[in-house]
Amino acid sequence: QVQLVESGGGLVQAGGSLRLSCAAARRPFNIPAMGWFRQAPDKEREFVATHGWTADSTLYADSVKGRFTISRDNAKNTVYLQMNNLKPEDTAVYCCAAGNYLTVVQSDYYSWGQGTQVTVAS
């Protein structure tokens, strides 16, 4: 288990941008995969993006491809989610999670943060 703390959520107008951060309380930052998931009101939690060890080891949900970018800074034990061209349907609580391999399957992640609210106004 590892403690994860998200930050960076807020209220933004449609078309705007936000950058979420997720800091892991583990040194070294030897977590094979760091993912972002989101849950909108009255909906199931869904996969957004995940990042493995290397810069090119990333996966994205189709709904965010081309708008969101996931990155990680191992020196800072942090993973980021840059969200551009936000839409009202992106409104959700965004959580980061730690996993042992690159996957979109939620049950394969073993530690979860509390989440940060993102609200996109139309």
C-alpha atoms as a PDB file:
ATOM      1  CA  GLN A   1       0.000   0.000   0.000  1.00  0.00           C
ATOM      2  CA  VAL A   2       1.075   3.555  -0.632  1.00  0.00           C
ATOM      3  CA  GLN A   3      -0.528   6.833   0.343  1.00  0.00           C
ATOM      4  CA  LEU A   4      -1.612   8.944  -2.629  1.00  0.00           C
ATOM      5  CA  VAL A   5      -2.733  12.573  -2.431  1.00  0.00           C
ATOM      6  CA  GLU A   6      -4.369  14.376  -5.336  1.00  0.00           C
ATOM      7  CA  SER A   7      -4.549  18.113  -5.895  1.00  0.00           C
ATOM      8  CA  GLY A   8      -5.346  20.603  -8.632  1.00  0.00           C
ATOM      9  CA  GLY A   9      -9.065  20.171  -9.098  1.00  0.00           C
ATOM     10  CA  GLY A  10     -11.480  23.056  -9.330  1.00  0.00           C
ATOM     11  CA  LEU A  11     -14.093  24.861 -11.363  1.00  0.00           C
ATOM     12  CA  VAL A  12     -13.301  25.769 -14.962  1.00  0.00           C
ATOM     13  CA  GLN A  13     -15.252  26.951 -17.991  1.00  0.00           C
ATOM     14  CA  ALA A  14     -15.725  24.634 -20.938  1.00  0.00           C
ATOM     15  CA  GLY A  15     -12.684  24.807 -23.185  1.00  0.00           C
ATOM     16  CA  GLY A  16     -10.405  25.578 -20.273  1.00  0.00           C
ATOM     17  CA  SER A  17      -7.562  23.594 -18.742  1.00  0.00           C
ATOM     18  CA  LEU A  18      -6.550  22.104 -15.419  1.00  0.00           C
ATOM     19  CA  ARG A  19      -3.562  20.126 -14.248  1.00  0.00           C
ATOM     20  CA  LEU A  20      -4.051  17.489 -11.600  1.00  0.00           C
ATOM     21  CA  SER A  21      -1.216  16.189  -9.462  1.00  0.00           C
ATOM     22  CA  CYS A  22      -0.903  12.992  -7.473  1.00  0.00           C
ATOM     23  CA  ALA A  23       1.905  12.704  -4.959  1.00  0.00           C
ATOM     24  CA  ALA A  24       2.912   9.305  -3.642  1.00  0.00           C
ATOM     25  CA  ALA A  25       4.336   8.879  -0.157  1.00  0.00           C
ATOM     26  CA  ARG A  26       6.930   6.349  -1.181  1.00  0.00           C
ATOM     27  CA  ARG A  27      10.627   6.665  -1.893  1.00  0.00           C
ATOM     28  CA  PRO A  28      11.882   5.597  -4.275  1.00  0.00           C
ATOM     29  CA  PHE A  29       8.915   6.076  -6.564  1.00  0.00           C
ATOM     30  CA  ASN A  30       9.104   2.496  -7.709  1.00  0.00           C
ATOM     31  CA  ILE A  31       5.466   2.096  -8.606  1.00  0.00           C
ATOM     32  CA  PRO A  32       5.197   0.386 -11.994  1.00  0.00           C
ATOM     33  CA  ALA A  33       1.952   2.038 -13.048  1.00  0.00           C
ATOM     34  CA  MET A  34       0.126   5.170 -11.968  1.00  0.00           C
ATOM     35  CA  GLY A  35      -3.378   5.667 -13.232  1.00  0.00           C
ATOM     36  CA  TRP A  36      -6.145   8.242 -13.187  1.00  0.00           C
ATOM     37  CA  PHE A  37      -9.807   7.302 -12.904  1.00  0.00           C
ATOM     38  CA  ARG A  38     -12.919   9.419 -12.530  1.00  0.00           C
ATOM     39  CA  GLN A  39     -16.433   9.078 -11.228  1.00  0.00           C
ATOM     40  CA  ALA A  40     -19.234  11.393 -12.250  1.00  0.00           C
ATOM     41  CA  PRO A  41     -22.430  11.713 -10.205  1.00  0.00           C
ATOM     42  CA  ASP A  42     -24.660   8.666 -10.576  1.00  0.00           C
ATOM     43  CA  LYS A  43     -22.132   6.930 -12.808  1.00  0.00           C
ATOM     44  CA  GLU A  44     -19.620   4.132 -12.405  1.00  0.00           C
ATOM     45  CA  ARG A  45     -15.984   4.957 -11.918  1.00  0.00           C
ATOM     46  CA  GLU A  46     -14.142   4.840 -15.231  1.00  0.00           C
ATOM     47  CA  PHE A  47     -10.581   4.678 -16.491  1.00  0.00           C
ATOM     48  CA  VAL A  48      -9.009   7.898 -17.768  1.00  0.00           C
ATOM     49  CA  ALA A  49      -5.280   7.337 -18.281  1.00  0.00           C
ATOM     50  CA  THR A  50      -2.320   5.422 -16.942  1.00  0.00           C
ATOM     51  CA  HIS A  51       1.476   5.752 -17.096  1.00  0.00           C
ATOM     52  CA  GLY A  52       4.136   3.074 -16.770  1.00  0.00           C
ATOM     53  CA  TRP A  53       7.869   3.362 -16.279  1.00  0.00           C
ATOM     54  CA  THR A  54       8.831   4.844 -19.615  1.00  0.00           C
ATOM     55  CA  ALA A  55       7.630   8.001 -21.297  1.00  0.00           C
ATOM     56  CA  ASP A  56       5.919   6.075 -24.081  1.00  0.00           C
ATOM     57  CA  SER A  57       4.139   3.621 -21.798  1.00  0.00           C
ATOM     58  CA  THR A  58       0.778   5.317 -21.553  1.00  0.00           C
ATOM     59  CA  LEU A  59      -2.845   4.386 -22.155  1.00  0.00           C
ATOM     60  CA  TYR A  60      -5.833   6.678 -22.532  1.00  0.00           C
ATOM     61  CA  ALA A  61      -9.571   6.327 -22.612  1.00  0.00           C
ATOM     62  CA  ASP A  62     -10.971   7.184 -26.035  1.00  0.00           C
ATOM     63  CA  SER A  63     -13.020   9.983 -24.516  1.00  0.00           C
ATOM     64  CA  VAL A  64      -9.906  11.924 -23.448  1.00  0.00           C
ATOM     65  CA  LYS A  65      -7.408  11.100 -26.209  1.00  0.00           C
ATOM     66  CA  GLY A  66      -5.957  14.234 -27.729  1.00  0.00           C
ATOM     67  CA  ARG A  67      -7.151  16.400 -24.826  1.00  0.00           C
ATOM     68  CA  PHE A  68      -5.544  14.873 -21.716  1.00  0.00           C
ATOM     69  CA  THR A  69      -1.879  14.075 -21.158  1.00  0.00           C
ATOM     70  CA  ILE A  70      -0.521  11.953 -18.345  1.00  0.00           C
ATOM     71  CA  SER A  71       3.073  12.323 -17.190  1.00  0.00           C
ATOM     72  CA  ARG A  72       5.177  11.365 -14.216  1.00  0.00           C
ATOM     73  CA  ASP A  73       8.159  12.841 -12.440  1.00  0.00           C
ATOM     74  CA  ASN A  74       9.875  10.045 -10.567  1.00  0.00           C
ATOM     75  CA  ALA A  75      12.218  12.454  -8.800  1.00  0.00           C
ATOM     76  CA  LYS A  76       9.176  14.146  -7.233  1.00  0.00           C
ATOM     77  CA  ASN A  77       7.149  10.964  -6.683  1.00  0.00           C
ATOM     78  CA  THR A  78       4.361  12.620  -8.654  1.00  0.00           C
ATOM     79  CA  VAL A  79       2.118  11.863 -11.579  1.00  0.00           C
ATOM     80  CA  TYR A  80       0.242  14.572 -13.448  1.00  0.00           C
ATOM     81  CA  LEU A  81      -2.849  14.784 -15.606  1.00  0.00           C
ATOM     82  CA  GLN A  82      -2.925  17.787 -17.911  1.00  0.00           C
ATOM     83  CA  MET A  83      -6.492  18.322 -19.070  1.00  0.00           C
ATOM     84  CA  ASN A  84      -7.129  20.656 -21.986  1.00  0.00           C
ATOM     85  CA  ASN A  85     -10.275  21.598 -23.887  1.00  0.00           C
ATOM     86  CA  LEU A  86     -12.394  20.469 -20.958  1.00  0.00           C
ATOM     87  CA  LYS A  87     -16.036  19.625 -21.523  1.00  0.00           C
ATOM     88  CA  PRO A  88     -18.977  19.569 -19.107  1.00  0.00           C
ATOM     89  CA  GLU A  89     -19.002  15.767 -19.387  1.00  0.00           C
ATOM     90  CA  ASP A  90     -15.522  15.716 -17.847  1.00  0.00           C
ATOM     91  CA  THR A  91     -17.058  16.818 -14.552  1.00  0.00           C
ATOM     92  CA  ALA A  92     -16.206  14.162 -11.973  1.00  0.00           C
ATOM     93  CA  VAL A  93     -14.122  13.269  -8.956  1.00  0.00           C
ATOM     94  CA  TYR A  94     -10.702  12.296 -10.249  1.00  0.00           C
ATOM     95  CA  CYS A  95      -8.665   9.724  -8.338  1.00  0.00           C
ATOM     96  CA  CYS A  96      -5.168   8.445  -8.873  1.00  0.00           C
ATOM     97  CA  ALA A  97      -4.182   4.866  -8.242  1.00  0.00           C
ATOM     98  CA  ALA A  98      -1.041   2.756  -7.993  1.00  0.00           C
ATOM     99  CA  GLY A  99      -0.683  -0.518  -9.805  1.00  0.00           C
ATOM    100  CA  ASN A 100       1.842  -3.236 -10.535  1.00  0.00           C
ATOM    101  CA  TYR A 101       1.504  -3.093 -14.303  1.00  0.00           C
ATOM    102  CA  LEU A 102       0.005  -1.014 -17.072  1.00  0.00           C
ATOM    103  CA  THR A 103      -3.686  -1.767 -17.253  1.00  0.00           C
ATOM    104  CA  VAL A 104      -7.081  -0.086 -17.606  1.00  0.00           C
ATOM    105  CA  VAL A 105      -8.699  -2.501 -15.160  1.00  0.00           C
ATOM    106  CA  GLN A 106      -9.561  -0.801 -11.864  1.00  0.00           C
ATOM    107  CA  SER A 107      -9.296  -3.945  -9.762  1.00  0.00           C
ATOM    108  CA  ASP A 108      -5.633  -4.284 -10.771  1.00  0.00           C
ATOM    109  CA  TYR A 109      -4.731  -1.111  -8.841  1.00  0.00           C
ATOM    110  CA  TYR A 110      -3.935  -1.632  -5.167  1.00  0.00           C
ATOM    111  CA  SER A 111      -3.850   1.878  -3.681  1.00  0.00           C
ATOM    112  CA  TRP A 112      -6.171   4.812  -4.271  1.00  0.00           C
ATOM    113  CA  GLY A 113      -6.199   8.478  -3.396  1.00  0.00           C
ATOM    114  CA  GLN A 114      -9.207  10.292  -1.974  1.00  0.00           C
ATOM    115  CA  GLY A 115      -9.851  12.190  -5.165  1.00  0.00           C
ATOM    116  CA  THR A 116     -10.165  15.783  -6.307  1.00  0.00           C
ATOM    117  CA  GLN A 117     -13.282  17.396  -7.754  1.00  0.00           C
ATOM    118  CA  VAL A 118     -13.236  18.756 -11.283  1.00  0.00           C
ATOM    119  CA  THR A 119     -16.239  20.767 -12.394  1.00  0.00           C
ATOM    120  CA  VAL A 120     -16.570  22.071 -15.944  1.00  0.00           C
ATOM    121  CA  ALA A 121     -19.202  24.732 -16.468  1.00  0.00           C
ATOM    122  CA  SER A 122     -20.874  25.117 -19.839  1.00  0.00           C
END
